[in-house]
Amino acid sequence: AYRKYEGGNKAYFQWYQRDAFRRWTGGDVTAHSYGADMVTEVVAAGHRVNHLLTVDPVGWTRPNFADVAANSGSWVNINAVGDG
């Protein structure tokens, strides 16, 4: 389903493709679960993005959130809470 979003400066990465994401020079990022965890670690380490949307980031480590915010033009983090 993501293929309709390909083209231009758009790309799709799996949560384990950290090096490929580092090489990508994109602007806007939407990431979910382990992918959101990977992206925040890379952004915290200095990979700049224009807009970052993370949804339910899951991971064993927590990046420095101040560094994530500093390397993002804007950052929205959504923690979904289900009640059935």
N, C-alpha and C. Protein backbone atom coordinates (compact mmCIF):
# COMPACT_ATOMS: atom_id res chain seq x y z
N ALA A 1 0.81 -1.19 0.00
CA ALA A 1 0.00 0.00 0.00
C ALA A 1 0.86 1.26 0.00
N TYR A 2 2.06 1.20 0.58
CA TYR A 2 2.89 2.41 0.65
C TYR A 2 3.40 2.84 -0.72
N ARG A 3 3.39 1.98 -1.70
CA ARG A 3 3.95 2.31 -3.01
C ARG A 3 3.33 3.57 -3.61
N LYS A 4 2.08 3.85 -3.32
CA LYS A 4 1.47 5.06 -3.89
C LYS A 4 2.14 6.32 -3.36
N TYR A 5 2.90 6.21 -2.29
CA TYR A 5 3.59 7.36 -1.71
C TYR A 5 5.03 7.49 -2.21
N GLU A 6 5.50 6.52 -3.01
CA GLU A 6 6.87 6.58 -3.50
C GLU A 6 7.02 7.67 -4.57
N GLY A 7 8.25 8.04 -4.82
CA GLY A 7 8.52 9.04 -5.84
C GLY A 7 8.94 10.35 -5.20
N GLY A 8 9.58 11.18 -5.97
CA GLY A 8 10.04 12.46 -5.43
C GLY A 8 11.03 12.22 -4.31
N ASN A 9 10.83 12.88 -3.20
CA ASN A 9 11.74 12.74 -2.06
C ASN A 9 11.08 11.89 -0.98
N LYS A 10 10.39 10.82 -1.40
CA LYS A 10 9.71 9.95 -0.45
C LYS A 10 10.39 8.59 -0.47
N ALA A 11 10.43 7.95 0.68
CA ALA A 11 11.04 6.64 0.78
C ALA A 11 10.37 5.87 1.91
N TYR A 12 10.51 4.57 1.88
CA TYR A 12 9.95 3.71 2.91
C TYR A 12 11.07 2.89 3.51
N PHE A 13 11.17 2.88 4.83
CA PHE A 13 12.22 2.12 5.51
C PHE A 13 11.60 1.22 6.56
N GLN A 14 12.18 0.05 6.73
CA GLN A 14 11.81 -0.85 7.81
C GLN A 14 12.57 -0.40 9.06
N TRP A 15 12.12 -0.84 10.22
CA TRP A 15 12.74 -0.41 11.49
C TRP A 15 14.20 -0.80 11.60
N TYR A 16 14.64 -1.82 10.88
CA TYR A 16 16.02 -2.29 10.97
C TYR A 16 16.93 -1.65 9.93
N GLN A 17 16.44 -0.73 9.11
CA GLN A 17 17.22 -0.11 8.05
C GLN A 17 17.80 1.24 8.47
N ARG A 18 18.43 1.24 9.62
CA ARG A 18 19.01 2.45 10.21
C ARG A 18 20.02 3.11 9.27
N ASP A 19 20.92 2.34 8.67
CA ASP A 19 21.95 2.92 7.80
C ASP A 19 21.33 3.53 6.54
N ALA A 20 20.35 2.86 5.97
CA ALA A 20 19.68 3.40 4.78
C ALA A 20 18.97 4.71 5.13
N PHE A 21 18.35 4.77 6.29
CA PHE A 21 17.68 6.01 6.70
C PHE A 21 18.70 7.12 6.91
N ARG A 22 19.85 6.80 7.47
CA ARG A 22 20.90 7.81 7.68
C ARG A 22 21.34 8.42 6.35
N ARG A 23 21.39 7.60 5.29
CA ARG A 23 21.84 8.08 3.98
C ARG A 23 20.77 8.90 3.27
N TRP A 24 19.52 8.75 3.68
CA TRP A 24 18.41 9.45 3.04
C TRP A 24 18.42 10.91 3.45
N THR A 25 18.24 11.79 2.49
CA THR A 25 18.23 13.22 2.78
C THR A 25 16.83 13.76 2.58
N GLY A 26 15.91 13.24 3.37
CA GLY A 26 14.52 13.64 3.24
C GLY A 26 14.16 14.76 4.18
N GLY A 27 12.92 15.18 4.10
CA GLY A 27 12.49 16.29 4.91
C GLY A 27 11.46 15.94 5.96
N ASP A 28 10.41 15.22 5.57
CA ASP A 28 9.31 14.91 6.48
C ASP A 28 9.30 13.42 6.77
N VAL A 29 9.13 13.08 8.04
CA VAL A 29 9.19 11.67 8.44
C VAL A 29 7.97 11.33 9.29
N THR A 30 7.33 10.22 8.95
CA THR A 30 6.28 9.63 9.77
C THR A 30 6.75 8.23 10.12
N ALA A 31 6.75 7.92 11.40
CA ALA A 31 7.28 6.62 11.83
C ALA A 31 6.42 6.04 12.95
N HIS A 32 6.34 4.72 12.99
CA HIS A 32 5.50 4.02 13.96
C HIS A 32 6.28 2.91 14.64
N SER A 33 6.03 2.70 15.90
CA SER A 33 6.53 1.58 16.69
C SER A 33 8.05 1.53 16.69
N TYR A 34 8.63 0.37 16.33
CA TYR A 34 10.09 0.25 16.32
C TYR A 34 10.73 1.20 15.30
N GLY A 35 10.00 1.49 14.21
CA GLY A 35 10.50 2.46 13.24
C GLY A 35 10.63 3.84 13.85
N ALA A 36 9.67 4.21 14.70
CA ALA A 36 9.74 5.50 15.38
C ALA A 36 10.91 5.55 16.35
N ASP A 37 11.17 4.44 17.02
CA ASP A 37 12.32 4.37 17.92
C ASP A 37 13.63 4.54 17.15
N MET A 38 13.75 3.83 16.02
CA MET A 38 14.97 3.93 15.21
C MET A 38 15.16 5.35 14.70
N VAL A 39 14.09 5.95 14.20
CA VAL A 39 14.18 7.29 13.64
C VAL A 39 14.59 8.31 14.70
N THR A 40 14.00 8.23 15.89
CA THR A 40 14.36 9.20 16.93
C THR A 40 15.82 9.06 17.34
N GLU A 41 16.34 7.83 17.35
CA GLU A 41 17.76 7.65 17.68
C GLU A 41 18.65 8.30 16.63
N VAL A 42 18.31 8.11 15.36
CA VAL A 42 19.12 8.68 14.27
C VAL A 42 19.00 10.20 14.27
N VAL A 43 17.81 10.72 14.47
CA VAL A 43 17.62 12.18 14.51
C VAL A 43 18.35 12.77 15.72
N ALA A 44 18.27 12.12 16.86
CA ALA A 44 18.97 12.62 18.05
C ALA A 44 20.48 12.66 17.82
N ALA A 45 20.99 11.77 16.98
CA ALA A 45 22.43 11.72 16.70
C ALA A 45 22.87 12.78 15.69
N GLY A 46 21.90 13.56 15.14
CA GLY A 46 22.29 14.65 14.26
C GLY A 46 21.70 14.64 12.87
N HIS A 47 20.91 13.65 12.51
CA HIS A 47 20.27 13.60 11.19
C HIS A 47 19.08 14.55 11.20
N ARG A 48 19.18 15.67 10.47
CA ARG A 48 18.12 16.69 10.48
C ARG A 48 16.93 16.27 9.63
N VAL A 49 15.74 16.57 10.14
CA VAL A 49 14.50 16.39 9.39
C VAL A 49 13.66 17.66 9.56
N ASN A 50 12.83 17.94 8.57
CA ASN A 50 11.96 19.12 8.65
C ASN A 50 10.82 18.90 9.63
N HIS A 51 10.10 17.82 9.44
CA HIS A 51 8.94 17.50 10.27
C HIS A 51 9.02 16.04 10.66
N LEU A 52 8.80 15.76 11.93
CA LEU A 52 8.86 14.39 12.44
C LEU A 52 7.55 14.09 13.16
N LEU A 53 6.90 13.01 12.75
CA LEU A 53 5.70 12.51 13.41
C LEU A 53 6.00 11.10 13.86
N THR A 54 6.01 10.87 15.16
CA THR A 54 6.23 9.53 15.68
C THR A 54 4.93 9.07 16.35
N VAL A 55 4.59 7.80 16.11
CA VAL A 55 3.37 7.22 16.66
C VAL A 55 3.75 5.96 17.42
N ASP A 56 3.43 5.95 18.69
CA ASP A 56 3.71 4.80 19.56
C ASP A 56 5.13 4.26 19.43
N PRO A 57 6.15 5.10 19.65
CA PRO A 57 7.52 4.59 19.56
C PRO A 57 7.77 3.54 20.64
N VAL A 58 8.37 2.42 20.23
CA VAL A 58 8.65 1.31 21.13
C VAL A 58 10.13 0.99 21.00
N GLY A 59 10.82 0.84 22.13
CA GLY A 59 12.22 0.47 22.06
C GLY A 59 12.82 0.28 23.43
N TRP A 60 14.00 -0.31 23.45
CA TRP A 60 14.71 -0.56 24.71
C TRP A 60 15.46 0.66 25.17
N THR A 61 15.87 1.50 24.25
CA THR A 61 16.64 2.70 24.61
C THR A 61 15.79 3.93 24.38
N ARG A 62 16.14 4.99 25.04
CA ARG A 62 15.46 6.26 24.85
C ARG A 62 16.49 7.30 24.44
N PRO A 63 16.31 7.89 23.27
CA PRO A 63 17.26 8.93 22.86
C PRO A 63 17.06 10.18 23.70
N ASN A 64 17.99 11.08 23.59
CA ASN A 64 17.86 12.37 24.25
C ASN A 64 16.80 13.16 23.51
N PHE A 65 15.64 13.36 24.15
CA PHE A 65 14.52 14.00 23.47
C PHE A 65 14.81 15.45 23.11
N ALA A 66 15.65 16.12 23.87
CA ALA A 66 16.05 17.49 23.53
C ALA A 66 16.81 17.50 22.21
N ASP A 67 17.65 16.48 21.98
CA ASP A 67 18.38 16.37 20.71
C ASP A 67 17.45 16.06 19.55
N VAL A 68 16.44 15.22 19.80
CA VAL A 68 15.45 14.92 18.75
C VAL A 68 14.75 16.22 18.35
N ALA A 69 14.29 16.97 19.33
CA ALA A 69 13.59 18.23 19.06
C ALA A 69 14.51 19.24 18.36
N ALA A 70 15.77 19.29 18.77
CA ALA A 70 16.72 20.24 18.19
C ALA A 70 17.01 19.93 16.72
N ASN A 71 16.93 18.67 16.33
CA ASN A 71 17.24 18.26 14.96
C ASN A 71 15.98 18.10 14.11
N SER A 72 14.83 18.53 14.63
CA SER A 72 13.56 18.48 13.91
C SER A 72 13.00 19.88 13.81
N GLY A 73 12.56 20.27 12.62
CA GLY A 73 11.89 21.55 12.50
C GLY A 73 10.65 21.58 13.37
N SER A 74 9.93 20.49 13.38
CA SER A 74 8.81 20.29 14.29
C SER A 74 8.71 18.80 14.57
N TRP A 75 8.26 18.47 15.77
CA TRP A 75 8.14 17.07 16.17
C TRP A 75 6.85 16.88 16.93
N VAL A 76 6.02 15.94 16.46
CA VAL A 76 4.79 15.56 17.14
C VAL A 76 4.91 14.08 17.48
N ASN A 77 4.69 13.76 18.74
CA ASN A 77 4.74 12.38 19.20
C ASN A 77 3.35 12.00 19.68
N ILE A 78 2.81 10.90 19.16
CA ILE A 78 1.48 10.44 19.54
C ILE A 78 1.61 9.11 20.24
N ASN A 79 1.08 9.03 21.43
CA ASN A 79 0.99 7.78 22.16
C ASN A 79 -0.49 7.39 22.21
N ALA A 80 -0.84 6.43 21.37
CA ALA A 80 -2.24 6.01 21.30
C ALA A 80 -2.57 5.15 22.52
N VAL A 81 -3.74 5.35 23.03
CA VAL A 81 -4.20 4.57 24.17
C VAL A 81 -5.52 3.95 23.76
N GLY A 82 -5.55 2.62 23.76
CA GLY A 82 -6.76 1.94 23.37
C GLY A 82 -7.55 1.49 24.59
N ASP A 83 -8.85 1.50 24.44
CA ASP A 83 -9.69 1.00 25.53
C ASP A 83 -10.68 -0.03 25.01
N GLY A 84 -10.22 -0.71 23.95
CA GLY A 84 -11.08 -1.76 23.41
C GLY A 84 -11.67 -1.34 22.13
